[in-house]
Amino acid sequence: MEKYIFLGGGAFCGMLAGFLGCFLLRLYTSLADITLPVYLDPSIVGMVCNIIAMIIGTALTKVTKEEQAAREVLFVIPSAEKNIAEIKKTLKYSKWSAGMGAVIVIVLLFLWIVPYYMGL
């Protein structure tokens, strides 16, 4: 059995580093009462920390045989989901949703945004 350091995987390492990077930088700027440049915004620093830690965490951890078997089961499509009629129905609803989103944008534009700017 191989021994290795388990860091929790790339996803966990990324989330932890992103949270800590964002939280600590925001805490520092609040306590020191300083303003950082836009490119050092805590959200951006958190994302950069997340990506770096995710890459390192993924490189340092190995997938066990049990985890690999569990992952393979996730990619098996159940026969109930291969029904063509259900697939067409799902596609129809997704198109309706996109259409309704466009309608809502237009309605808000003419009933809210335009009157607001005309009132200025």
PDB file of N, CA and C in Angstrom:
ATOM      1  N   MET A   1       0.845  -1.180   0.000  1.00  0.00           N
ATOM      2  CA  MET A   1       0.000   0.000   0.000  1.00  0.00           C
ATOM      3  C   MET A   1       0.890   1.243   0.000  1.00  0.00           C
ATOM      4  N   GLU A   2       0.599   2.146  -0.950  1.00  0.00           N
ATOM      5  CA  GLU A   2       1.397   3.360  -1.055  1.00  0.00           C
ATOM      6  C   GLU A   2       0.996   4.361   0.014  1.00  0.00           C
ATOM      7  N   LYS A   3       1.981   5.059   0.536  1.00  0.00           N
ATOM      8  CA  LYS A   3       1.714   6.107   1.508  1.00  0.00           C
ATOM      9  C   LYS A   3       1.906   7.452   0.832  1.00  0.00           C
ATOM     10  N   TYR A   4       1.009   8.353   1.087  1.00  0.00           N
ATOM     11  CA  TYR A   4       1.126   9.697   0.556  1.00  0.00           C
ATOM     12  C   TYR A   4       0.405  10.647   1.497  1.00  0.00           C
ATOM     13  N   ILE A   5       0.716  11.900   1.359  1.00  0.00           N
ATOM     14  CA  ILE A   5       0.079  12.910   2.192  1.00  0.00           C
ATOM     15  C   ILE A   5      -1.284  13.226   1.588  1.00  0.00           C
ATOM     16  N   PHE A   6      -2.333  13.076   2.353  1.00  0.00           N
ATOM     17  CA  PHE A   6      -3.676  13.386   1.865  1.00  0.00           C
ATOM     18  C   PHE A   6      -4.001  14.824   2.227  1.00  0.00           C
ATOM     19  N   LEU A   7      -4.159  15.640   1.213  1.00  0.00           N
ATOM     20  CA  LEU A   7      -4.456  17.052   1.435  1.00  0.00           C
ATOM     21  C   LEU A   7      -5.928  17.369   1.239  1.00  0.00           C
ATOM     22  N   GLY A   8      -6.740  16.369   1.018  1.00  0.00           N
ATOM     23  CA  GLY A   8      -8.164  16.609   0.854  1.00  0.00           C
ATOM     24  C   GLY A   8      -8.571  16.818  -0.593  1.00  0.00           C
ATOM     25  N   GLY A   9      -7.672  16.661  -1.519  1.00  0.00           N
ATOM     26  CA  GLY A   9      -8.003  16.828  -2.920  1.00  0.00           C
ATOM     27  C   GLY A   9      -7.918  18.277  -3.352  1.00  0.00           C
ATOM     28  N   GLY A  10      -7.879  18.451  -4.655  1.00  0.00           N
ATOM     29  CA  GLY A  10      -7.740  19.784  -5.210  1.00  0.00           C
ATOM     30  C   GLY A  10      -8.909  20.697  -4.913  1.00  0.00           C
ATOM     31  N   ALA A  11     -10.124  20.162  -4.937  1.00  0.00           N
ATOM     32  CA  ALA A  11     -11.304  21.008  -4.713  1.00  0.00           C
ATOM     33  C   ALA A  11     -11.303  21.577  -3.296  1.00  0.00           C
ATOM     34  N   PHE A  12     -11.049  20.721  -2.331  1.00  0.00           N
ATOM     35  CA  PHE A  12     -11.054  21.190  -0.935  1.00  0.00           C
ATOM     36  C   PHE A  12      -9.926  22.187  -0.690  1.00  0.00           C
ATOM     37  N   CYS A  13      -8.742  21.871  -1.198  1.00  0.00           N
ATOM     38  CA  CYS A  13      -7.607  22.787  -1.023  1.00  0.00           C
ATOM     39  C   CYS A  13      -7.893  24.136  -1.670  1.00  0.00           C
ATOM     40  N   GLY A  14      -8.499  24.107  -2.856  1.00  0.00           N
ATOM     41  CA  GLY A  14      -8.820  25.343  -3.546  1.00  0.00           C
ATOM     42  C   GLY A  14      -9.824  26.183  -2.774  1.00  0.00           C
ATOM     43  N   MET A  15     -10.884  25.538  -2.275  1.00  0.00           N
ATOM     44  CA  MET A  15     -11.892  26.281  -1.517  1.00  0.00           C
ATOM     45  C   MET A  15     -11.301  26.881  -0.258  1.00  0.00           C
ATOM     46  N   LEU A  16     -10.483  26.105   0.434  1.00  0.00           N
ATOM     47  CA  LEU A  16      -9.879  26.584   1.677  1.00  0.00           C
ATOM     48  C   LEU A  16      -8.935  27.760   1.411  1.00  0.00           C
ATOM     49  N   ALA A  17      -8.061  27.616   0.421  1.00  0.00           N
ATOM     50  CA  ALA A  17      -7.104  28.684   0.112  1.00  0.00           C
ATOM     51  C   ALA A  17      -7.816  29.930  -0.401  1.00  0.00           C
ATOM     52  N   GLY A  18      -8.844  29.759  -1.212  1.00  0.00           N
ATOM     53  CA  GLY A  18      -9.595  30.908  -1.708  1.00  0.00           C
ATOM     54  C   GLY A  18     -10.281  31.659  -0.587  1.00  0.00           C
ATOM     55  N   PHE A  19     -10.893  30.911   0.328  1.00  0.00           N
ATOM     56  CA  PHE A  19     -11.554  31.543   1.468  1.00  0.00           C
ATOM     57  C   PHE A  19     -10.543  32.282   2.340  1.00  0.00           C
ATOM     58  N   LEU A  20      -9.447  31.603   2.655  1.00  0.00           N
ATOM     59  CA  LEU A  20      -8.449  32.227   3.526  1.00  0.00           C
ATOM     60  C   LEU A  20      -7.809  33.447   2.874  1.00  0.00           C
ATOM     61  N   GLY A  21      -7.504  33.360   1.574  1.00  0.00           N
ATOM     62  CA  GLY A  21      -6.914  34.501   0.885  1.00  0.00           C
ATOM     63  C   GLY A  21      -7.839  35.708   0.899  1.00  0.00           C
ATOM     64  N   CYS A  22      -9.108  35.475   0.599  1.00  0.00           N
ATOM     65  CA  CYS A  22     -10.089  36.563   0.578  1.00  0.00           C
ATOM     66  C   CYS A  22     -10.333  37.110   1.983  1.00  0.00           C
ATOM     67  N   PHE A  23     -10.547  36.206   2.932  1.00  0.00           N
ATOM     68  CA  PHE A  23     -10.873  36.616   4.306  1.00  0.00           C
ATOM     69  C   PHE A  23      -9.722  37.377   4.955  1.00  0.00           C
ATOM     70  N   LEU A  24      -8.511  36.833   4.831  1.00  0.00           N
ATOM     71  CA  LEU A  24      -7.365  37.467   5.493  1.00  0.00           C
ATOM     72  C   LEU A  24      -7.026  38.820   4.881  1.00  0.00           C
ATOM     73  N   LEU A  25      -7.137  38.939   3.562  1.00  0.00           N
ATOM     74  CA  LEU A  25      -6.858  40.228   2.938  1.00  0.00           C
ATOM     75  C   LEU A  25      -7.924  41.256   3.313  1.00  0.00           C
ATOM     76  N   ARG A  26      -9.186  40.835   3.364  1.00  0.00           N
ATOM     77  CA  ARG A  26     -10.254  41.756   3.766  1.00  0.00           C
ATOM     78  C   ARG A  26     -10.077  42.159   5.238  1.00  0.00           C
ATOM     79  N   LEU A  27      -9.680  41.200   6.073  1.00  0.00           N
ATOM     80  CA  LEU A  27      -9.440  41.501   7.482  1.00  0.00           C
ATOM     81  C   LEU A  27      -8.281  42.490   7.625  1.00  0.00           C
ATOM     82  N   TYR A  28      -7.208  42.253   6.882  1.00  0.00           N
ATOM     83  CA  TYR A  28      -6.046  43.143   6.940  1.00  0.00           C
ATOM     84  C   TYR A  28      -6.405  44.557   6.493  1.00  0.00           C
ATOM     85  N   THR A  29      -7.133  44.681   5.392  1.00  0.00           N
ATOM     86  CA  THR A  29      -7.493  46.023   4.918  1.00  0.00           C
ATOM     87  C   THR A  29      -8.431  46.729   5.879  1.00  0.00           C
ATOM     88  N   SER A  30      -9.270  45.968   6.574  1.00  0.00           N
ATOM     89  CA  SER A  30     -10.181  46.586   7.547  1.00  0.00           C
ATOM     90  C   SER A  30      -9.426  47.043   8.791  1.00  0.00           C
ATOM     91  N   LEU A  31      -8.544  46.190   9.289  1.00  0.00           N
ATOM     92  CA  LEU A  31      -7.816  46.522  10.516  1.00  0.00           C
ATOM     93  C   LEU A  31      -6.766  47.604  10.280  1.00  0.00           C
ATOM     94  N   ALA A  32      -6.101  47.560   9.131  1.00  0.00           N
ATOM     95  CA  ALA A  32      -5.063  48.550   8.843  1.00  0.00           C
ATOM     96  C   ALA A  32      -5.650  49.829   8.254  1.00  0.00           C
ATOM     97  N   ASP A  33      -6.931  49.805   7.921  1.00  0.00           N
ATOM     98  CA  ASP A  33      -7.631  50.958   7.354  1.00  0.00           C
ATOM     99  C   ASP A  33      -6.900  51.496   6.125  1.00  0.00           C
ATOM    100  N   ILE A  34      -6.629  50.555   5.189  1.00  0.00           N
ATOM    101  CA  ILE A  34      -5.968  50.930   3.947  1.00  0.00           C
ATOM    102  C   ILE A  34      -6.857  50.573   2.770  1.00  0.00           C
ATOM    103  N   THR A  35      -6.584  51.182   1.638  1.00  0.00           N
ATOM    104  CA  THR A  35      -7.293  50.870   0.400  1.00  0.00           C
ATOM    105  C   THR A  35      -6.288  50.304  -0.589  1.00  0.00           C
ATOM    106  N   LEU A  36      -6.603  49.137  -1.108  1.00  0.00           N
ATOM    107  CA  LEU A  36      -5.713  48.487  -2.063  1.00  0.00           C
ATOM    108  C   LEU A  36      -6.119  48.848  -3.490  1.00  0.00           C
ATOM    109  N   PRO A  37      -5.192  48.693  -4.436  1.00  0.00           N
ATOM    110  CA  PRO A  37      -5.562  48.903  -5.840  1.00  0.00           C
ATOM    111  C   PRO A  37      -6.614  47.874  -6.281  1.00  0.00           C
ATOM    112  N   VAL A  38      -7.281  48.168  -7.368  1.00  0.00           N
ATOM    113  CA  VAL A  38      -8.363  47.307  -7.845  1.00  0.00           C
ATOM    114  C   VAL A  38      -7.875  45.891  -8.119  1.00  0.00           C
ATOM    115  N   TYR A  39      -6.693  45.745  -8.667  1.00  0.00           N
ATOM    116  CA  TYR A  39      -6.183  44.415  -9.003  1.00  0.00           C
ATOM    117  C   TYR A  39      -5.846  43.589  -7.757  1.00  0.00           C
ATOM    118  N   LEU A  40      -5.821  44.183  -6.572  1.00  0.00           N
ATOM    119  CA  LEU A  40      -5.606  43.445  -5.330  1.00  0.00           C
ATOM    120  C   LEU A  40      -6.891  43.334  -4.516  1.00  0.00           C
ATOM    121  N   ASP A  41      -8.028  43.391  -5.188  1.00  0.00           N
ATOM    122  CA  ASP A  41      -9.299  43.199  -4.515  1.00  0.00           C
ATOM    123  C   ASP A  41      -9.301  41.810  -3.875  1.00  0.00           C
ATOM    124  N   PRO A  42      -9.829  41.670  -2.660  1.00  0.00           N
ATOM    125  CA  PRO A  42      -9.819  40.372  -1.989  1.00  0.00           C
ATOM    126  C   PRO A  42     -10.472  39.252  -2.797  1.00  0.00           C
ATOM    127  N   SER A  43     -11.482  39.569  -3.586  1.00  0.00           N
ATOM    128  CA  SER A  43     -12.126  38.538  -4.406  1.00  0.00           C
ATOM    129  C   SER A  43     -11.180  38.001  -5.465  1.00  0.00           C
ATOM    130  N   ILE A  44     -10.426  38.896  -6.087  1.00  0.00           N
ATOM    131  CA  ILE A  44      -9.476  38.474  -7.116  1.00  0.00           C
ATOM    132  C   ILE A  44      -8.339  37.675  -6.493  1.00  0.00           C
ATOM    133  N   VAL A  45      -7.841  38.151  -5.355  1.00  0.00           N
ATOM    134  CA  VAL A  45      -6.775  37.416  -4.658  1.00  0.00           C
ATOM    135  C   VAL A  45      -7.282  36.036  -4.234  1.00  0.00           C
ATOM    136  N   GLY A  46      -8.523  35.960  -3.762  1.00  0.00           N
ATOM    137  CA  GLY A  46      -9.103  34.680  -3.372  1.00  0.00           C
ATOM    138  C   GLY A  46      -9.203  33.715  -4.545  1.00  0.00           C
ATOM    139  N   MET A  47      -9.591  34.233  -5.718  1.00  0.00           N
ATOM    140  CA  MET A  47      -9.685  33.370  -6.906  1.00  0.00           C
ATOM    141  C   MET A  47      -8.316  32.860  -7.326  1.00  0.00           C
ATOM    142  N   VAL A  48      -7.315  33.731  -7.276  1.00  0.00           N
ATOM    143  CA  VAL A  48      -5.956  33.316  -7.650  1.00  0.00           C
ATOM    144  C   VAL A  48      -5.448  32.248  -6.673  1.00  0.00           C
ATOM    145  N   CYS A  49      -5.667  32.473  -5.377  1.00  0.00           N
ATOM    146  CA  CYS A  49      -5.270  31.474  -4.369  1.00  0.00           C
ATOM    147  C   CYS A  49      -6.005  30.166  -4.596  1.00  0.00           C
ATOM    148  N   ASN A  50      -7.288  30.244  -4.947  1.00  0.00           N
ATOM    149  CA  ASN A  50      -8.089  29.055  -5.208  1.00  0.00           C
ATOM    150  C   ASN A  50      -7.510  28.249  -6.355  1.00  0.00           C
ATOM    151  N   ILE A  51      -7.200  28.898  -7.453  1.00  0.00           N
ATOM    152  CA  ILE A  51      -6.701  28.185  -8.633  1.00  0.00           C
ATOM    153  C   ILE A  51      -5.343  27.554  -8.362  1.00  0.00           C
ATOM    154  N   ILE A  52      -4.466  28.295  -7.724  1.00  0.00           N
ATOM    155  CA  ILE A  52      -3.128  27.749  -7.431  1.00  0.00           C
ATOM    156  C   ILE A  52      -3.220  26.556  -6.492  1.00  0.00           C
ATOM    157  N   ALA A  53      -4.009  26.683  -5.407  1.00  0.00           N
ATOM    158  CA  ALA A  53      -4.136  25.585  -4.450  1.00  0.00           C
ATOM    159  C   ALA A  53      -4.845  24.387  -5.070  1.00  0.00           C
ATOM    160  N   MET A  54      -5.793  24.638  -5.963  1.00  0.00           N
ATOM    161  CA  MET A  54      -6.496  23.534  -6.618  1.00  0.00           C
ATOM    162  C   MET A  54      -5.539  22.731  -7.496  1.00  0.00           C
ATOM    163  N   ILE A  55      -4.679  23.422  -8.213  1.00  0.00           N
ATOM    164  CA  ILE A  55      -3.703  22.732  -9.073  1.00  0.00           C
ATOM    165  C   ILE A  55      -2.721  21.936  -8.224  1.00  0.00           C
ATOM    166  N   ILE A  56      -2.208  22.547  -7.168  1.00  0.00           N
ATOM    167  CA  ILE A  56      -1.247  21.854  -6.291  1.00  0.00           C
ATOM    168  C   ILE A  56      -1.918  20.683  -5.571  1.00  0.00           C
ATOM    169  N   GLY A  57      -3.117  20.913  -5.031  1.00  0.00           N
ATOM    170  CA  GLY A  57      -3.824  19.842  -4.315  1.00  0.00           C
ATOM    171  C   GLY A  57      -4.149  18.666  -5.218  1.00  0.00           C
ATOM    172  N   THR A  58      -4.506  18.937  -6.458  1.00  0.00           N
ATOM    173  CA  THR A  58      -4.802  17.857  -7.402  1.00  0.00           C
ATOM    174  C   THR A  58      -3.532  17.090  -7.756  1.00  0.00           C
ATOM    175  N   ALA A  59      -2.429  17.801  -7.895  1.00  0.00           N
ATOM    176  CA  ALA A  59      -1.165  17.142  -8.254  1.00  0.00           C
ATOM    177  C   ALA A  59      -0.625  16.275  -7.121  1.00  0.00           C
ATOM    178  N   LEU A  60      -0.907  16.652  -5.872  1.00  0.00           N
ATOM    179  CA  LEU A  60      -0.332  15.923  -4.739  1.00  0.00           C
ATOM    180  C   LEU A  60      -1.211  14.786  -4.207  1.00  0.00           C
ATOM    181  N   THR A  61      -2.432  14.669  -4.684  1.00  0.00           N
ATOM    182  CA  THR A  61      -3.304  13.600  -4.195  1.00  0.00           C
ATOM    183  C   THR A  61      -3.532  12.567  -5.281  1.00  0.00           C
ATOM    184  N   LYS A  62      -3.828  11.366  -4.852  1.00  0.00           N
ATOM    185  CA  LYS A  62      -4.087  10.269  -5.780  1.00  0.00           C
ATOM    186  C   LYS A  62      -5.511   9.765  -5.566  1.00  0.00           C
ATOM    187  N   VAL A  63      -6.122   9.304  -6.637  1.00  0.00           N
ATOM    188  CA  VAL A  63      -7.463   8.753  -6.564  1.00  0.00           C
ATOM    189  C   VAL A  63      -7.341   7.267  -6.211  1.00  0.00           C
ATOM    190  N   THR A  64      -8.046   6.839  -5.163  1.00  0.00           N
ATOM    191  CA  THR A  64      -8.013   5.429  -4.780  1.00  0.00           C
ATOM    192  C   THR A  64      -8.871   4.612  -5.739  1.00  0.00           C
ATOM    193  N   LYS A  65      -8.707   3.306  -5.686  1.00  0.00           N
ATOM    194  CA  LYS A  65      -9.502   2.428  -6.560  1.00  0.00           C
ATOM    195  C   LYS A  65     -10.986   2.517  -6.228  1.00  0.00           C
ATOM    196  N   GLU A  66     -11.306   2.685  -4.953  1.00  0.00           N
ATOM    197  CA  GLU A  66     -12.708   2.820  -4.560  1.00  0.00           C
ATOM    198  C   GLU A  66     -13.307   4.109  -5.110  1.00  0.00           C
ATOM    199  N   GLU A  67     -12.529   5.192  -5.042  1.00  0.00           N
ATOM    200  CA  GLU A  67     -13.010   6.471  -5.584  1.00  0.00           C
ATOM    201  C   GLU A  67     -13.179   6.387  -7.095  1.00  0.00           C
ATOM    202  N   GLN A  68     -12.255   5.718  -7.765  1.00  0.00           N
ATOM    203  CA  GLN A  68     -12.348   5.560  -9.217  1.00  0.00           C
ATOM    204  C   GLN A  68     -13.596   4.772  -9.596  1.00  0.00           C
ATOM    205  N   ALA A  69     -13.890   3.720  -8.846  1.00  0.00           N
ATOM    206  CA  ALA A  69     -15.091   2.921  -9.124  1.00  0.00           C
ATOM    207  C   ALA A  69     -16.360   3.749  -8.895  1.00  0.00           C
ATOM    208  N   ALA A  70     -16.362   4.563  -7.842  1.00  0.00           N
ATOM    209  CA  ALA A  70     -17.522   5.404  -7.566  1.00  0.00           C
ATOM    210  C   ALA A  70     -17.702   6.456  -8.659  1.00  0.00           C
ATOM    211  N   ARG A  71     -16.615   6.985  -9.178  1.00  0.00           N
ATOM    212  CA  ARG A  71     -16.699   7.977 -10.252  1.00  0.00           C
ATOM    213  C   ARG A  71     -17.242   7.363 -11.535  1.00  0.00           C
ATOM    214  N   GLU A  72     -16.849   6.136 -11.830  1.00  0.00           N
ATOM    215  CA  GLU A  72     -17.323   5.480 -13.047  1.00  0.00           C
ATOM    216  C   GLU A  72     -18.826   5.253 -12.997  1.00  0.00           C
ATOM    217  N   VAL A  73     -19.358   4.976 -11.820  1.00  0.00           N
ATOM    218  CA  VAL A  73     -20.798   4.781 -11.679  1.00  0.00           C
ATOM    219  C   VAL A  73     -21.550   6.074 -11.979  1.00  0.00           C
ATOM    220  N   LEU A  74     -20.938   7.215 -11.689  1.00  0.00           N
ATOM    221  CA  LEU A  74     -21.589   8.502 -11.938  1.00  0.00           C
ATOM    222  C   LEU A  74     -21.824   8.761 -13.418  1.00  0.00           C
ATOM    223  N   PHE A  75     -21.015   8.170 -14.284  1.00  0.00           N
ATOM    224  CA  PHE A  75     -21.118   8.437 -15.715  1.00  0.00           C
ATOM    225  C   PHE A  75     -21.989   7.430 -16.460  1.00  0.00           C
ATOM    226  N   VAL A  76     -22.636   6.521 -15.755  1.00  0.00           N
ATOM    227  CA  VAL A  76     -23.545   5.570 -16.385  1.00  0.00           C
ATOM    228  C   VAL A  76     -24.913   6.231 -16.499  1.00  0.00           C
ATOM    229  N   ILE A  77     -25.423   6.335 -17.721  1.00  0.00           N
ATOM    230  CA  ILE A  77     -26.733   6.954 -17.945  1.00  0.00           C
ATOM    231  C   ILE A  77     -27.809   5.895 -17.729  1.00  0.00           C
ATOM    232  N   PRO A  78     -28.721   6.130 -16.800  1.00  0.00           N
ATOM    233  CA  PRO A  78     -29.808   5.176 -16.582  1.00  0.00           C
ATOM    234  C   PRO A  78     -30.676   5.054 -17.837  1.00  0.00           C
ATOM    235  N   SER A  79     -31.227   3.875 -18.050  1.00  0.00           N
ATOM    236  CA  SER A  79     -32.037   3.660 -19.253  1.00  0.00           C
ATOM    237  C   SER A  79     -33.288   4.538 -19.253  1.00  0.00           C
ATOM    238  N   ALA A  80     -33.798   4.891 -18.074  1.00  0.00           N
ATOM    239  CA  ALA A  80     -34.973   5.758 -17.998  1.00  0.00           C
ATOM    240  C   ALA A  80     -34.680   7.146 -18.547  1.00  0.00           C
ATOM    241  N   GLU A  81     -33.423   7.576 -18.523  1.00  0.00           N
ATOM    242  CA  GLU A  81     -33.050   8.894 -19.010  1.00  0.00           C
ATOM    243  C   GLU A  81     -32.688   8.899 -20.496  1.00  0.00           C
ATOM    244  N   LYS A  82     -32.792   7.760 -21.145  1.00  0.00           N
ATOM    245  CA  LYS A  82     -32.505   7.671 -22.566  1.00  0.00           C
ATOM    246  C   LYS A  82     -33.776   7.774 -23.401  1.00  0.00           C
ATOM    247  N   ASN A  83     -34.891   8.107 -22.770  1.00  0.00           N
ATOM    248  CA  ASN A  83     -36.173   8.216 -23.445  1.00  0.00           C
ATOM    249  C   ASN A  83     -36.175   9.472 -24.319  1.00  0.00           C
ATOM    250  N   ILE A  84     -36.329   9.295 -25.624  1.00  0.00           N
ATOM    251  CA  ILE A  84     -36.270  10.408 -26.580  1.00  0.00           C
ATOM    252  C   ILE A  84     -37.381  11.425 -26.317  1.00  0.00           C
ATOM    253  N   ALA A  85     -38.563  10.966 -25.966  1.00  0.00           N
ATOM    254  CA  ALA A  85     -39.672  11.891 -25.712  1.00  0.00           C
ATOM    255  C   ALA A  85     -39.359  12.798 -24.527  1.00  0.00           C
ATOM    256  N   GLU A  86     -38.763  12.254 -23.493  1.00  0.00           N
ATOM    257  CA  GLU A  86     -38.396  13.058 -22.322  1.00  0.00           C
ATOM    258  C   GLU A  86     -37.286  14.044 -22.654  1.00  0.00           C
ATOM    259  N   ILE A  87     -36.356  13.640 -23.489  1.00  0.00           N
ATOM    260  CA  ILE A  87     -35.269  14.537 -23.890  1.00  0.00           C
ATOM    261  C   ILE A  87     -35.826  15.715 -24.673  1.00  0.00           C
ATOM    262  N   LYS A  88     -36.759  15.449 -25.600  1.00  0.00           N
ATOM    263  CA  LYS A  88     -37.376  16.525 -26.385  1.00  0.00           C
ATOM    264  C   LYS A  88     -38.175  17.458 -25.484  1.00  0.00           C
ATOM    265  N   LYS A  89     -38.843  16.880 -24.486  1.00  0.00           N
ATOM    266  CA  LYS A  89     -39.629  17.690 -23.545  1.00  0.00           C
ATOM    267  C   LYS A  89     -38.703  18.611 -22.743  1.00  0.00           C
ATOM    268  N   THR A  90     -37.586  18.094 -22.298  1.00  0.00           N
ATOM    269  CA  THR A  90     -36.621  18.899 -21.550  1.00  0.00           C
ATOM    270  C   THR A  90     -36.059  20.025 -22.416  1.00  0.00           C
ATOM    271  N   LEU A  91     -35.729  19.716 -23.674  1.00  0.00           N
ATOM    272  CA  LEU A  91     -35.223  20.745 -24.583  1.00  0.00           C
ATOM    273  C   LEU A  91     -36.274  21.822 -24.829  1.00  0.00           C
ATOM    274  N   LYS A  92     -37.546  21.412 -24.946  1.00  0.00           N
ATOM    275  CA  LYS A  92     -38.621  22.382 -25.159  1.00  0.00           C
ATOM    276  C   LYS A  92     -38.710  23.340 -23.974  1.00  0.00           C
ATOM    277  N   TYR A  93     -38.646  22.808 -22.758  1.00  0.00           N
ATOM    278  CA  TYR A  93     -38.720  23.663 -21.573  1.00  0.00           C
ATOM    279  C   TYR A  93     -37.507  24.578 -21.445  1.00  0.00           C
ATOM    280  N   SER A  94     -36.341  24.107 -21.862  1.00  0.00           N
ATOM    281  CA  SER A  94     -35.162  24.974 -21.800  1.00  0.00           C
ATOM    282  C   SER A  94     -35.288  26.122 -22.797  1.00  0.00           C
ATOM    283  N   LYS A  95     -35.859  25.856 -23.964  1.00  0.00           N
ATOM    284  CA  LYS A  95     -36.076  26.930 -24.940  1.00  0.00           C
ATOM    285  C   LYS A  95     -37.117  27.920 -24.419  1.00  0.00           C
ATOM    286  N   TRP A  96     -38.170  27.411 -23.797  1.00  0.00           N
ATOM    287  CA  TRP A  96     -39.185  28.286 -23.211  1.00  0.00           C
ATOM    288  C   TRP A  96     -38.566  29.157 -22.117  1.00  0.00           C
ATOM    289  N   SER A  97     -37.697  28.593 -21.323  1.00  0.00           N
ATOM    290  CA  SER A  97     -37.051  29.363 -20.249  1.00  0.00           C
ATOM    291  C   SER A  97     -36.204  30.492 -20.821  1.00  0.00           C
ATOM    292  N   ALA A  98     -35.446  30.198 -21.865  1.00  0.00           N
ATOM    293  CA  ALA A  98     -34.634  31.237 -22.498  1.00  0.00           C
ATOM    294  C   ALA A  98     -35.528  32.320 -23.089  1.00  0.00           C
ATOM    295  N   GLY A  99     -36.610  31.918 -23.715  1.00  0.00           N
ATOM    296  CA  GLY A  99     -37.550  32.887 -24.279  1.00  0.00           C
ATOM    297  C   GLY A  99     -38.179  33.758 -23.208  1.00  0.00           C
ATOM    298  N   MET A 100     -38.567  33.152 -22.100  1.00  0.00           N
ATOM    299  CA  MET A 100     -39.161  33.921 -21.000  1.00  0.00           C
ATOM    300  C   MET A 100     -38.145  34.889 -20.402  1.00  0.00           C
ATOM    301  N   GLY A 101     -36.895  34.487 -20.349  1.00  0.00           N
ATOM    302  CA  GLY A 101     -35.852  35.398 -19.865  1.00  0.00           C
ATOM    303  C   GLY A 101     -35.751  36.628 -20.745  1.00  0.00           C
ATOM    304  N   ALA A 102     -35.804  36.426 -22.072  1.00  0.00           N
ATOM    305  CA  ALA A 102     -35.753  37.555 -23.001  1.00  0.00           C
ATOM    306  C   ALA A 102     -36.975  38.446 -22.836  1.00  0.00           C
ATOM    307  N   VAL A 103     -38.149  37.851 -22.670  1.00  0.00           N
ATOM    308  CA  VAL A 103     -39.377  38.631 -22.479  1.00  0.00           C
ATOM    309  C   VAL A 103     -39.295  39.459 -21.201  1.00  0.00           C
ATOM    310  N   ILE A 104     -38.793  38.872 -20.139  1.00  0.00           N
ATOM    311  CA  ILE A 104     -38.682  39.595 -18.868  1.00  0.00           C
ATOM    312  C   ILE A 104     -37.720  40.773 -19.003  1.00  0.00           C
ATOM    313  N   VAL A 105     -36.606  40.588 -19.720  1.00  0.00           N
ATOM    314  CA  VAL A 105     -35.663  41.686 -19.934  1.00  0.00           C
ATOM    315  C   VAL A 105     -36.346  42.828 -20.681  1.00  0.00           C
ATOM    316  N   ILE A 106     -37.098  42.513 -21.727  1.00  0.00           N
ATOM    317  CA  ILE A 106     -37.774  43.546 -22.509  1.00  0.00           C
ATOM    318  C   ILE A 106     -38.839  44.258 -21.677  1.00  0.00           C
ATOM    319  N   VAL A 107     -39.628  43.493 -20.921  1.00  0.00           N
ATOM    320  CA  VAL A 107     -40.662  44.092 -20.074  1.00  0.00           C
ATOM    321  C   VAL A 107     -40.030  45.028 -19.038  1.00  0.00           C
ATOM    322  N   LEU A 108     -38.974  44.580 -18.385  1.00  0.00           N
ATOM    323  CA  LEU A 108     -38.316  45.438 -17.397  1.00  0.00           C
ATOM    324  C   LEU A 108     -37.701  46.674 -18.040  1.00  0.00           C
ATOM    325  N   LEU A 109     -37.190  46.509 -19.243  1.00  0.00           N
ATOM    326  CA  LEU A 109     -36.604  47.649 -19.937  1.00  0.00           C
ATOM    327  C   LEU A 109     -37.644  48.743 -20.178  1.00  0.00           C
ATOM    328  N   PHE A 110     -38.810  48.350 -20.696  1.00  0.00           N
ATOM    329  CA  PHE A 110     -39.814  49.353 -21.052  1.00  0.00           C
ATOM    330  C   PHE A 110     -40.691  49.796 -19.881  1.00  0.00           C
ATOM    331  N   LEU A 111     -40.862  48.953 -18.881  1.00  0.00           N
ATOM    332  CA  LEU A 111     -41.735  49.326 -17.765  1.00  0.00           C
ATOM    333  C   LEU A 111     -40.989  49.836 -16.536  1.00  0.00           C
ATOM    334  N   TRP A 112     -39.669  49.693 -16.525  1.00  0.00           N
ATOM    335  CA  TRP A 112     -38.939  50.115 -15.343  1.00  0.00           C
ATOM    336  C   TRP A 112     -37.766  51.030 -15.696  1.00  0.00           C
ATOM    337  N   ILE A 113     -36.873  50.585 -16.564  1.00  0.00           N
ATOM    338  CA  ILE A 113     -35.653  51.336 -16.838  1.00  0.00           C
ATOM    339  C   ILE A 113     -35.943  52.613 -17.635  1.00  0.00           C
ATOM    340  N   VAL A 114     -36.709  52.495 -18.721  1.00  0.00           N
ATOM    341  CA  VAL A 114     -37.004  53.672 -19.547  1.00  0.00           C
ATOM    342  C   VAL A 114     -37.778  54.719 -18.725  1.00  0.00           C
ATOM    343  N   PRO A 115     -38.855  54.351 -17.997  1.00  0.00           N
ATOM    344  CA  PRO A 115     -39.535  55.375 -17.191  1.00  0.00           C
ATOM    345  C   PRO A 115     -38.639  56.000 -16.123  1.00  0.00           C
ATOM    346  N   TYR A 116     -37.748  55.205 -15.577  1.00  0.00           N
ATOM    347  CA  TYR A 116     -36.829  55.737 -14.557  1.00  0.00           C
ATOM    348  C   TYR A 116     -35.947  56.835 -15.156  1.00  0.00           C
ATOM    349  N   TYR A 117     -35.347  56.536 -16.324  1.00  0.00           N
ATOM    350  CA  TYR A 117     -34.462  57.523 -16.932  1.00  0.00           C
ATOM    351  C   TYR A 117     -35.225  58.727 -17.493  1.00  0.00           C
ATOM    352  N   MET A 118     -36.456  58.532 -17.875  1.00  0.00           N
ATOM    353  CA  MET A 118     -37.262  59.671 -18.358  1.00  0.00           C
ATOM    354  C   MET A 118     -37.632  60.579 -17.183  1.00  0.00           C
ATOM    355  N   GLY A 119     -37.705  60.023 -15.982  1.00  0.00           N
ATOM    356  CA  GLY A 119     -38.035  60.816 -14.807  1.00  0.00           C
ATOM    357  C   GLY A 119     -36.864  61.591 -14.245  1.00  0.00           C
ATOM    358  N   LEU A 120     -35.661  61.297 -14.692  1.00  0.00           N
ATOM    359  CA  LEU A 120     -34.484  62.004 -14.173  1.00  0.00           C
ATOM    360  C   LEU A 120     -34.396  63.410 -14.650  1.00  0.00           C
TER     361      LEU A 120
END
